[in-house]
């Protein structure tokens, strides 16, 4: 779980595929993961990406936007907020699609 969490954290989304694969290989070697455990880690990572899509979609709901508007009515930009989370959700969807074979 910690390795999947690291790879799906927002701060790790800029890691290239090659870097993520290098991290996974090093992690698997360091903790001596079996092939079965490594496959489970890959599935967990894919599912966590899907979970992040849900987070970004939830942040587009009016009931999630309203408190942000209330907290900062003069500066909160609804259009920018929606655009940001729509873009982040789409990027997560692309990563999840790339990881889809690990779920099968």
C-alpha atoms as a PDB file:
ATOM      1  CA  UNK A   1       0.000   0.000   0.000  1.00  0.00           C
ATOM      2  CA  UNK A   2       2.730   2.575   0.759  1.00  0.00           C
ATOM      3  CA  UNK A   3       4.291   2.139  -2.681  1.00  0.00           C
ATOM      4  CA  UNK A   4       0.930   2.463  -4.463  1.00  0.00           C
ATOM      5  CA  UNK A   5       0.081   5.453  -2.293  1.00  0.00           C
ATOM      6  CA  UNK A   6       3.381   7.124  -3.193  1.00  0.00           C
ATOM      7  CA  UNK A   7       2.881   6.578  -6.919  1.00  0.00           C
ATOM      8  CA  UNK A   8      -0.690   7.891  -6.892  1.00  0.00           C
ATOM      9  CA  UNK A   9      -0.075  10.902  -4.643  1.00  0.00           C
ATOM     10  CA  UNK A  10      -0.717  14.220  -6.357  1.00  0.00           C
ATOM     11  CA  UNK A  11       2.945  15.146  -5.817  1.00  0.00           C
ATOM     12  CA  UNK A  12       4.029  12.061  -7.789  1.00  0.00           C
ATOM     13  CA  UNK A  13       1.815  12.545 -10.820  1.00  0.00           C
ATOM     14  CA  UNK A  14       4.635  14.171 -12.759  1.00  0.00           C
ATOM     15  CA  UNK A  15       6.790  11.037 -12.519  1.00  0.00           C
ATOM     16  CA  UNK A  16       7.362   9.529 -15.914  1.00  0.00           C
ATOM     17  CA  UNK A  17       6.473   5.911 -16.652  1.00  0.00           C
ATOM     18  CA  UNK A  18      10.147   4.958 -16.633  1.00  0.00           C
ATOM     19  CA  UNK A  19      10.707   6.562 -13.216  1.00  0.00           C
ATOM     20  CA  UNK A  20       7.638   4.848 -11.754  1.00  0.00           C
ATOM     21  CA  UNK A  21       8.785   1.487 -13.111  1.00  0.00           C
ATOM     22  CA  UNK A  22      12.265   2.027 -11.672  1.00  0.00           C
ATOM     23  CA  UNK A  23      10.730   2.875  -8.299  1.00  0.00           C
ATOM     24  CA  UNK A  24       8.550  -0.247  -8.420  1.00  0.00           C
ATOM     25  CA  UNK A  25      11.504  -2.482  -9.302  1.00  0.00           C
ATOM     26  CA  UNK A  26      13.635  -1.010  -6.506  1.00  0.00           C
ATOM     27  CA  UNK A  27      10.785  -1.278  -3.998  1.00  0.00           C
ATOM     28  CA  UNK A  28      10.002  -4.861  -5.019  1.00  0.00           C
ATOM     29  CA  UNK A  29      13.654  -5.839  -4.642  1.00  0.00           C
ATOM     30  CA  UNK A  30      14.090  -4.019  -1.324  1.00  0.00           C
ATOM     31  CA  UNK A  31      11.107  -5.665   0.346  1.00  0.00           C
ATOM     32  CA  UNK A  32      11.456  -8.921  -1.619  1.00  0.00           C
ATOM     33  CA  UNK A  33       7.988  -8.926  -3.157  1.00  0.00           C
ATOM     34  CA  UNK A  34       6.910 -12.114  -4.836  1.00  0.00           C
ATOM     35  CA  UNK A  35       5.516 -11.841  -8.386  1.00  0.00           C
ATOM     36  CA  UNK A  36       2.030 -12.301  -6.911  1.00  0.00           C
ATOM     37  CA  UNK A  37       2.582  -9.451  -4.440  1.00  0.00           C
ATOM     38  CA  UNK A  38       3.958  -7.211  -7.186  1.00  0.00           C
ATOM     39  CA  UNK A  39       0.865  -7.903  -9.293  1.00  0.00           C
ATOM     40  CA  UNK A  40      -1.333  -7.026  -6.318  1.00  0.00           C
ATOM     41  CA  UNK A  41       0.604  -3.786  -5.831  1.00  0.00           C
ATOM     42  CA  UNK A  42      -0.025  -2.900  -9.485  1.00  0.00           C
ATOM     43  CA  UNK A  43      -3.752  -3.601  -9.122  1.00  0.00           C
ATOM     44  CA  UNK A  44      -3.880  -1.512  -5.950  1.00  0.00           C
ATOM     45  CA  UNK A  45      -2.188   1.347  -7.775  1.00  0.00           C
ATOM     46  CA  UNK A  46      -4.715   1.194 -10.623  1.00  0.00           C
ATOM     47  CA  UNK A  47      -7.620   1.155  -8.175  1.00  0.00           C
ATOM     48  CA  UNK A  48      -6.161   4.106  -6.274  1.00  0.00           C
ATOM     49  CA  UNK A  49      -5.982   6.104  -9.521  1.00  0.00           C
ATOM     50  CA  UNK A  50      -9.681   5.363 -10.005  1.00  0.00           C
ATOM     51  CA  UNK A  51     -10.304   6.528  -6.445  1.00  0.00           C
ATOM     52  CA  UNK A  52      -8.576   9.818  -7.209  1.00  0.00           C
ATOM     53  CA  UNK A  53     -10.877  10.305 -10.215  1.00  0.00           C
ATOM     54  CA  UNK A  54     -13.800  10.081  -7.796  1.00  0.00           C
ATOM     55  CA  UNK A  55     -12.181  12.686  -5.533  1.00  0.00           C
ATOM     56  CA  UNK A  56     -11.814  15.176  -8.369  1.00  0.00           C
ATOM     57  CA  UNK A  57     -15.365  14.527  -9.581  1.00  0.00           C
ATOM     58  CA  UNK A  58     -16.722  15.061  -6.057  1.00  0.00           C
ATOM     59  CA  UNK A  59     -14.963  18.417  -5.897  1.00  0.00           C
ATOM     60  CA  UNK A  60     -17.048  19.516  -8.910  1.00  0.00           C
ATOM     61  CA  UNK A  61     -20.347  19.007  -7.087  1.00  0.00           C
ATOM     62  CA  UNK A  62     -22.167  22.224  -6.118  1.00  0.00           C
ATOM     63  CA  UNK A  63     -22.377  21.162  -2.471  1.00  0.00           C
ATOM     64  CA  UNK A  64     -18.577  20.876  -2.374  1.00  0.00           C
ATOM     65  CA  UNK A  65     -18.075  24.207  -4.136  1.00  0.00           C
ATOM     66  CA  UNK A  66     -20.490  26.198  -1.936  1.00  0.00           C
ATOM     67  CA  UNK A  67     -18.345  26.086   1.248  1.00  0.00           C
ATOM     68  CA  UNK A  68     -15.318  27.277  -0.729  1.00  0.00           C
ATOM     69  CA  UNK A  69     -17.317  30.162  -2.152  1.00  0.00           C
ATOM     70  CA  UNK A  70     -18.628  30.997   1.310  1.00  0.00           C
ATOM     71  CA  UNK A  71     -15.125  30.964   2.826  1.00  0.00           C
ATOM     72  CA  UNK A  72     -13.707  33.338   0.209  1.00  0.00           C
ATOM     73  CA  UNK A  73     -16.563  34.999  -1.697  1.00  0.00           C
ATOM     74  CA  UNK A  74     -14.387  37.733  -3.197  1.00  0.00           C
ATOM     75  CA  UNK A  75     -11.545  35.599  -4.529  1.00  0.00           C
ATOM     76  CA  UNK A  76     -12.839  32.075  -5.092  1.00  0.00           C
ATOM     77  CA  UNK A  77     -13.028  31.485  -8.842  1.00  0.00           C
ATOM     78  CA  UNK A  78     -15.603  28.768  -9.537  1.00  0.00           C
ATOM     79  CA  UNK A  79     -14.653  28.440 -13.199  1.00  0.00           C
ATOM     80  CA  UNK A  80     -10.969  28.020 -12.344  1.00  0.00           C
ATOM     81  CA  UNK A  81     -11.814  25.473  -9.631  1.00  0.00           C
ATOM     82  CA  UNK A  82     -13.978  23.444 -12.021  1.00  0.00           C
ATOM     83  CA  UNK A  83     -11.384  23.634 -14.799  1.00  0.00           C
ATOM     84  CA  UNK A  84      -8.586  22.561 -12.440  1.00  0.00           C
ATOM     85  CA  UNK A  85     -10.377  19.506 -11.075  1.00  0.00           C
ATOM     86  CA  UNK A  86     -11.775  18.520 -14.456  1.00  0.00           C
ATOM     87  CA  UNK A  87      -8.232  18.600 -15.854  1.00  0.00           C
ATOM     88  CA  UNK A  88      -6.816  16.682 -12.886  1.00  0.00           C
ATOM     89  CA  UNK A  89      -9.611  14.102 -13.170  1.00  0.00           C
ATOM     90  CA  UNK A  90      -8.960  13.651 -16.886  1.00  0.00           C
ATOM     91  CA  UNK A  91      -5.237  13.173 -16.222  1.00  0.00           C
ATOM     92  CA  UNK A  92      -6.056  10.557 -13.575  1.00  0.00           C
ATOM     93  CA  UNK A  93      -8.364   8.832 -16.039  1.00  0.00           C
ATOM     94  CA  UNK A  94      -5.535   8.627 -18.578  1.00  0.00           C
ATOM     95  CA  UNK A  95      -3.230   7.102 -15.941  1.00  0.00           C
ATOM     96  CA  UNK A  96      -5.930   4.657 -14.858  1.00  0.00           C
ATOM     97  CA  UNK A  97      -6.520   3.615 -18.484  1.00  0.00           C
ATOM     98  CA  UNK A  98      -2.800   2.970 -18.902  1.00  0.00           C
ATOM     99  CA  UNK A  99      -2.886   0.770 -15.797  1.00  0.00           C
ATOM    100  CA  UNK A 100      -6.101  -1.024 -16.787  1.00  0.00           C
ATOM    101  CA  UNK A 101      -4.313  -4.189 -18.005  1.00  0.00           C
ATOM    102  CA  UNK A 102      -3.081  -4.748 -14.444  1.00  0.00           C
ATOM    103  CA  UNK A 103      -6.694  -5.179 -13.325  1.00  0.00           C
ATOM    104  CA  UNK A 104      -7.397  -7.954 -15.777  1.00  0.00           C
END
